C-alpha atoms as a PDB file:
ATOM      1  CA  MET A   1      88.541 195.894 -20.720  1.00  0.00           C
ATOM      2  CA  LYS A   2      87.699 194.617 -17.315  1.00  0.00           C
ATOM      3  CA  LEU A   3      87.590 190.865 -16.643  1.00  0.00           C
ATOM      4  CA  LYS A   4      84.365 189.963 -14.989  1.00  0.00           C
ATOM      5  CA  ILE A   5      84.334 186.854 -12.766  1.00  0.00           C
ATOM      6  CA  ASP A   6      81.042 185.814 -11.379  1.00  0.00           C
ATOM      7  CA  ASN A   7      80.553 184.483  -7.877  1.00  0.00           C
ATOM      8  CA  GLU A   8      79.568 180.996  -9.057  1.00  0.00           C
ATOM      9  CA  SER A   9      82.878 180.462 -10.912  1.00  0.00           C
ATOM     10  CA  VAL A  10      84.874 181.416  -7.833  1.00  0.00           C
ATOM     11  CA  ARG A  11      82.897 178.989  -5.669  1.00  0.00           C
ATOM     12  CA  LEU A  12      83.451 176.215  -8.211  1.00  0.00           C
ATOM     13  CA  VAL A  13      87.226 176.772  -8.300  1.00  0.00           C
ATOM     14  CA  VAL A  14      87.466 176.946  -4.499  1.00  0.00           C
ATOM     15  CA  SER A  15      85.358 173.780  -4.145  1.00  0.00           C
ATOM     16  CA  LEU A  16      87.587 171.885  -6.571  1.00  0.00           C
ATOM     17  CA  ALA A  17      90.708 173.073  -4.751  1.00  0.00           C
ATOM     18  CA  VAL A  18      89.315 171.897  -1.399  1.00  0.00           C
ATOM     19  CA  ILE A  19      88.372 168.504  -2.873  1.00  0.00           C
ATOM     20  CA  ALA A  20      91.868 168.125  -4.384  1.00  0.00           C
ATOM     21  CA  PHE A  21      93.463 169.047  -1.056  1.00  0.00           C
ATOM     22  CA  PHE A  22      91.479 166.442   0.884  1.00  0.00           C
ATOM     23  CA  ALA A  23      92.082 163.794  -1.781  1.00  0.00           C
ATOM     24  CA  ALA A  24      95.838 164.404  -1.532  1.00  0.00           C
ATOM     25  CA  LEU A  25      95.633 164.254   2.257  1.00  0.00           C
ATOM     26  CA  VAL A  26      93.792 160.914   2.183  1.00  0.00           C
ATOM     27  CA  LEU A  27      96.271 159.463  -0.330  1.00  0.00           C
ATOM     28  CA  SER A  28      99.265 160.502   1.775  1.00  0.00           C
ATOM     29  CA  VAL A  29      97.761 158.898   4.891  1.00  0.00           C
ATOM     30  CA  VAL A  30      97.023 155.681   2.970  1.00  0.00           C
ATOM     31  CA  HIS A  31     100.588 155.677   1.611  1.00  0.00           C
ATOM     32  CA  MET A  32     102.010 156.032   5.139  1.00  0.00           C
ATOM     33  CA  PHE A  33      99.917 153.094   6.367  1.00  0.00           C
ATOM     34  CA  THR A  34     101.131 151.038   3.411  1.00  0.00           C
ATOM     35  CA  ILE A  35     104.762 151.726   4.343  1.00  0.00           C
ATOM     36  CA  VAL A  36     104.115 150.860   7.990  1.00  0.00           C
ATOM     37  CA  ASP A  37     102.246 147.716   6.946  1.00  0.00           C
ATOM     38  CA  GLU A  38     105.146 146.603   4.706  1.00  0.00           C
ATOM     39  CA  GLU A  39     107.627 147.067   7.564  1.00  0.00           C
ATOM     40  CA  ALA A  40     105.373 145.113   9.945  1.00  0.00           C
ATOM     41  CA  ARG A  41     104.929 142.329   7.379  1.00  0.00           C
ATOM     42  CA  LEU A  42     108.681 142.121   6.852  1.00  0.00           C
ATOM     43  CA  ARG A  43     109.381 141.931  10.591  1.00  0.00           C
ATOM     44  CA  GLU A  44     106.689 139.243  10.918  1.00  0.00           C
ATOM     45  CA  LYS A  45     108.301 137.193   8.125  1.00  0.00           C
ATOM     46  CA  ILE A  46     111.708 137.527   9.784  1.00  0.00           C
ATOM     47  CA  GLY A  47     110.167 136.422  13.085  1.00  0.00           C
ATOM     48  CA  GLU A  48     108.835 133.301  11.360  1.00  0.00           C
ATOM     49  CA  VAL A  49     112.275 132.270  10.114  1.00  0.00           C
ATOM     50  CA  TYR A  50     114.592 133.588  12.836  1.00  0.00           C
ATOM     51  CA  SER A  51     113.844 133.382  16.532  1.00  0.00           C
ATOM     52  CA  ALA A  52     116.157 136.042  17.999  1.00  0.00           C
ATOM     53  CA  PRO A  53     114.479 139.433  18.570  1.00  0.00           C
ATOM     54  CA  LEU A  54     115.551 142.338  16.373  1.00  0.00           C
ATOM     55  CA  THR A  55     117.293 145.405  17.757  1.00  0.00           C
ATOM     56  CA  ASP A  56     116.593 148.990  16.715  1.00  0.00           C
ATOM     57  CA  GLN A  57     120.174 149.472  15.510  1.00  0.00           C
ATOM     58  CA  THR A  58     120.663 151.761  12.541  1.00  0.00           C
ATOM     59  CA  PHE A  59     123.567 151.492  10.130  1.00  0.00           C
ATOM     60  CA  ASP A  60     125.889 154.013   8.518  1.00  0.00           C
ATOM     61  CA  TRP A  61     125.941 153.207   4.808  1.00  0.00           C
ATOM     62  CA  THR A  62     128.282 156.099   3.926  1.00  0.00           C
ATOM     63  CA  GLY A  63     130.707 154.868   1.282  1.00  0.00           C
ATOM     64  CA  TYR A  64     128.866 151.620   0.567  1.00  0.00           C
ATOM     65  CA  VAL A  65     128.348 150.748  -3.092  1.00  0.00           C
ATOM     66  CA  ASP A  66     125.903 147.987  -4.063  1.00  0.00           C
ATOM     67  CA  ARG A  67     127.183 145.319  -6.367  1.00  0.00           C
ATOM     68  CA  PRO A  68     125.802 145.775  -9.926  1.00  0.00           C
ATOM     69  CA  ASP A  69     122.110 144.909 -10.451  1.00  0.00           C
ATOM     70  CA  THR A  70     121.459 144.524  -6.714  1.00  0.00           C
ATOM     71  CA  SER A  71     120.424 146.460  -3.646  1.00  0.00           C
ATOM     72  CA  ILE A  72     119.982 145.984   0.083  1.00  0.00           C
ATOM     73  CA  SER A  73     116.479 147.248   0.808  1.00  0.00           C
ATOM     74  CA  ASN A  74     116.536 146.589   4.565  1.00  0.00           C
ATOM     75  CA  CYS A  75     119.067 145.492   7.147  1.00  0.00           C
ATOM     76  CA  TYR A  76     118.398 144.427  10.718  1.00  0.00           C
ATOM     77  CA  ARG A  77     120.554 143.264  13.585  1.00  0.00           C
ATOM     78  CA  ALA A  78     119.266 140.552  15.905  1.00  0.00           C
ATOM     79  CA  GLU A  79     120.023 140.556  19.614  1.00  0.00           C
ATOM     80  CA  ASP A  80     122.272 137.519  19.110  1.00  0.00           C
ATOM     81  CA  GLY A  81     124.472 139.505  16.682  1.00  0.00           C
ATOM     82  CA  ALA A  82     123.113 138.143  13.405  1.00  0.00           C
ATOM     83  CA  TYR A  83     122.602 140.436  10.447  1.00  0.00           C
ATOM     84  CA  ILE A  84     119.331 139.930   8.613  1.00  0.00           C
ATOM     85  CA  MET A  85     119.389 141.538   5.184  1.00  0.00           C
ATOM     86  CA  ILE A  86     116.773 141.912   2.515  1.00  0.00           C
ATOM     87  CA  ALA A  87     118.783 141.614  -0.674  1.00  0.00           C
ATOM     88  CA  LYS A  88     117.260 142.304  -4.070  1.00  0.00           C
ATOM     89  CA  SER A  89     118.612 141.312  -7.441  1.00  0.00           C
ATOM     90  CA  ASP A  90     117.263 142.768 -10.659  1.00  0.00           C
ATOM     91  CA  LYS A  91     119.136 140.075 -12.578  1.00  0.00           C
ATOM     92  CA  ALA A  92     116.247 137.637 -12.850  1.00  0.00           C
ATOM     93  CA  TYR A  93     113.749 136.492 -15.422  1.00  0.00           C
ATOM     94  CA  SER A  94     110.936 138.260 -13.585  1.00  0.00           C
ATOM     95  CA  SER A  95     110.799 142.009 -14.193  1.00  0.00           C
ATOM     96  CA  SER A  96     110.287 142.658 -10.478  1.00  0.00           C
ATOM     97  CA  GLY A  97     113.477 140.793  -9.590  1.00  0.00           C
ATOM     98  CA  ILE A  98     114.116 138.509  -6.637  1.00  0.00           C
ATOM     99  CA  GLU A  99     114.199 139.513  -2.968  1.00  0.00           C
ATOM    100  CA  LEU A 100     115.769 137.205  -0.408  1.00  0.00           C
ATOM    101  CA  ILE A 101     116.192 137.274   3.341  1.00  0.00           C
ATOM    102  CA  VAL A 102     119.844 136.453   4.015  1.00  0.00           C
ATOM    103  CA  ILE A 103     120.906 135.769   7.602  1.00  0.00           C
ATOM    104  CA  ILE A 104     124.625 136.037   8.399  1.00  0.00           C
ATOM    105  CA  LYS A 105     126.052 135.432  11.850  1.00  0.00           C
ATOM    106  CA  ASP A 106     129.656 134.994  12.968  1.00  0.00           C
ATOM    107  CA  ASP A 107     130.849 135.237   9.335  1.00  0.00           C
ATOM    108  CA  LEU A 108     128.659 132.297   8.257  1.00  0.00           C
ATOM    109  CA  ILE A 109     125.599 132.340   6.026  1.00  0.00           C
ATOM    110  CA  LYS A 110     123.024 130.825   8.360  1.00  0.00           C
ATOM    111  CA  ASP A 111     119.990 130.919   6.086  1.00  0.00           C
ATOM    112  CA  VAL A 112     118.663 132.158   2.757  1.00  0.00           C
ATOM    113  CA  ILE A 113     114.893 132.485   2.441  1.00  0.00           C
ATOM    114  CA  LYS A 114     112.682 133.692  -0.386  1.00  0.00           C
ATOM    115  CA  TYR A 115     110.967 136.962   0.491  1.00  0.00           C
ATOM    116  CA  LYS A 116     109.504 138.205  -2.803  1.00  0.00           C
ATOM    117  CA  ALA A 117     109.704 136.782  -6.274  1.00  0.00           C
ATOM    118  CA  SER A 118     107.375 136.017  -9.123  1.00  0.00           C
ATOM    119  CA  GLU A 119     109.061 133.406 -11.212  1.00  0.00           C
ATOM    120  CA  THR A 120     107.338 131.348 -13.869  1.00  0.00           C
ATOM    121  CA  PRO A 121     105.899 128.154 -12.381  1.00  0.00           C
ATOM    122  CA  GLY A 122     108.070 125.188 -13.244  1.00  0.00           C
ATOM    123  CA  ILE A 123     111.761 125.598 -13.905  1.00  0.00           C
ATOM    124  CA  GLY A 124     112.121 129.165 -12.571  1.00  0.00           C
ATOM    125  CA  SER A 125     110.300 128.446  -9.335  1.00  0.00           C
ATOM    126  CA  LYS A 126     112.703 125.588  -8.469  1.00  0.00           C
ATOM    127  CA  LEU A 127     115.423 128.060  -7.557  1.00  0.00           C
ATOM    128  CA  LEU A 128     113.212 129.601  -4.875  1.00  0.00           C
ATOM    129  CA  GLU A 129     112.701 126.300  -3.075  1.00  0.00           C
ATOM    130  CA  ASP A 130     114.472 125.752   0.243  1.00  0.00           C
ATOM    131  CA  SER A 131     116.512 122.873  -1.180  1.00  0.00           C
ATOM    132  CA  TYR A 132     118.097 125.217  -3.733  1.00  0.00           C
ATOM    133  CA  LEU A 133     118.578 128.182  -1.401  1.00  0.00           C
ATOM    134  CA  LYS A 134     120.184 126.058   1.348  1.00  0.00           C
ATOM    135  CA  GLN A 135     123.258 125.406  -0.823  1.00  0.00           C
ATOM    136  CA  PHE A 136     124.521 128.861   0.172  1.00  0.00           C
ATOM    137  CA  THR A 137     124.507 128.017   3.893  1.00  0.00           C
ATOM    138  CA  LYS A 138     127.701 125.990   3.618  1.00  0.00           C
ATOM    139  CA  TYR A 139     129.721 129.124   2.919  1.00  0.00           C
ATOM    140  CA  SER A 140     131.559 131.572   5.111  1.00  0.00           C
ATOM    141  CA  VAL A 141     131.769 135.202   4.057  1.00  0.00           C
ATOM    142  CA  ASP A 142     135.515 134.583   3.669  1.00  0.00           C
ATOM    143  CA  ASP A 143     134.756 132.202   0.770  1.00  0.00           C
ATOM    144  CA  PHE A 144     133.501 135.124  -1.337  1.00  0.00           C
ATOM    145  CA  ASP A 145     136.406 136.685  -3.203  1.00  0.00           C
ATOM    146  CA  PHE A 146     135.134 139.981  -4.587  1.00  0.00           C
ATOM    147  CA  ALA A 147     138.631 141.073  -5.659  1.00  0.00           C
ATOM    148  CA  SER A 148     139.008 138.164  -8.121  1.00  0.00           C
ATOM    149  CA  GLY A 149     135.393 138.081  -9.304  1.00  0.00           C
ATOM    150  CA  THR A 150     134.139 139.557 -12.524  1.00  0.00           C
ATOM    151  CA  ALA A 151     131.575 142.327 -13.067  1.00  0.00           C
ATOM    152  CA  GLY A 152     131.247 142.915  -9.357  1.00  0.00           C
ATOM    153  CA  GLY A 153     130.577 139.245  -8.638  1.00  0.00           C
ATOM    154  CA  ALA A 154     132.457 137.006  -6.278  1.00  0.00           C
ATOM    155  CA  ALA A 155     134.790 134.166  -7.081  1.00  0.00           C
ATOM    156  CA  GLY A 156     135.420 131.297  -4.696  1.00  0.00           C
ATOM    157  CA  ILE A 157     131.959 129.808  -4.343  1.00  0.00           C
ATOM    158  CA  ASP A 158     130.500 126.971  -6.370  1.00  0.00           C
ATOM    159  CA  VAL A 159     126.715 126.840  -6.497  1.00  0.00           C
ATOM    160  CA  ALA A 160     124.469 124.865  -8.799  1.00  0.00           C
ATOM    161  CA  TYR A 161     122.374 126.647 -11.376  1.00  0.00           C
ATOM    162  CA  VAL A 162     118.913 125.450 -12.359  1.00  0.00           C
ATOM    163  CA  THR A 163     119.070 124.276 -15.969  1.00  0.00           C
ATOM    164  CA  GLY A 164     116.788 126.431 -18.079  1.00  0.00           C
ATOM    165  CA  ALA A 165     116.697 129.184 -15.453  1.00  0.00           C
ATOM    166  CA  THR A 166     120.255 130.469 -15.633  1.00  0.00           C
ATOM    167  CA  ARG A 167     119.275 134.146 -15.518  1.00  0.00           C
ATOM    168  CA  SER A 168     117.176 133.691 -12.373  1.00  0.00           C
ATOM    169  CA  SER A 169     119.821 131.426 -10.820  1.00  0.00           C
ATOM    170  CA  THR A 170     122.298 134.235 -11.394  1.00  0.00           C
ATOM    171  CA  GLY A 171     119.845 136.621  -9.739  1.00  0.00           C
ATOM    172  CA  VAL A 172     119.717 134.467  -6.605  1.00  0.00           C
ATOM    173  CA  ARG A 173     123.506 134.277  -6.463  1.00  0.00           C
ATOM    174  CA  TYR A 174     123.836 138.038  -6.943  1.00  0.00           C
ATOM    175  CA  ALA A 175     121.351 138.729  -4.128  1.00  0.00           C
ATOM    176  CA  VAL A 176     123.333 136.497  -1.747  1.00  0.00           C
ATOM    177  CA  GLU A 177     126.586 138.143  -2.848  1.00  0.00           C
ATOM    178  CA  ALA A 178     125.027 141.568  -2.215  1.00  0.00           C
ATOM    179  CA  ALA A 179     124.145 140.539   1.344  1.00  0.00           C
ATOM    180  CA  VAL A 180     127.674 139.232   1.937  1.00  0.00           C
ATOM    181  CA  LYS A 181     129.200 142.411   0.520  1.00  0.00           C
ATOM    182  CA  ALA A 182     126.974 144.547   2.771  1.00  0.00           C
ATOM    183  CA  TYR A 183     127.846 142.388   5.799  1.00  0.00           C
ATOM    184  CA  LEU A 184     131.569 142.783   5.119  1.00  0.00           C
ATOM    185  CA  PHE A 185     131.089 146.551   4.790  1.00  0.00           C
ATOM    186  CA  LEU A 186     129.131 146.849   8.035  1.00  0.00           C
ATOM    187  CA  GLU A 187     131.664 144.700   9.875  1.00  0.00           C
ATOM    188  CA  GLY A 188     134.524 146.814   8.494  1.00  0.00           C
ATOM    189  CA  LYS A 189     136.185 143.907   6.696  1.00  0.00           C
END
């Protein structure tokens, strides 16, 4: 028995394949622009909060292990030597976690700024206010004792937690600790 394929069926299949190809091509281009746009938006946000220009330095992360429930999504080096890290903690009330910009220079935490978070208005949003985040700027990286801490956390620092938002407060602390841990790794300490 011979399979008979008519000309119209072949044209239909070829047409659908061409449409699928161009749709995939358009989606990949849009995705690339989204990635570029995110990088540009991040650099713009950093420029708003830190005046020194960023270098194009890349980092060797070989051997680095994130602290539990955290990650460093981006790391930059400013021309004045500061490290600017985007630290994310999944340990927050919000399912998307908390992302902070943590600036460390000369072994001191210079600034902690909210980058991305979607906390419940009210109690949870208090921990993303500058007044709460600034409490970390009194610490040196030497104050964080990762050897004595528990569950990957650091001992040696005393920060206030927002009553009723303990989980999100922990998330903020973990994100700052992740940035400090990454800084110590990159500095070889």
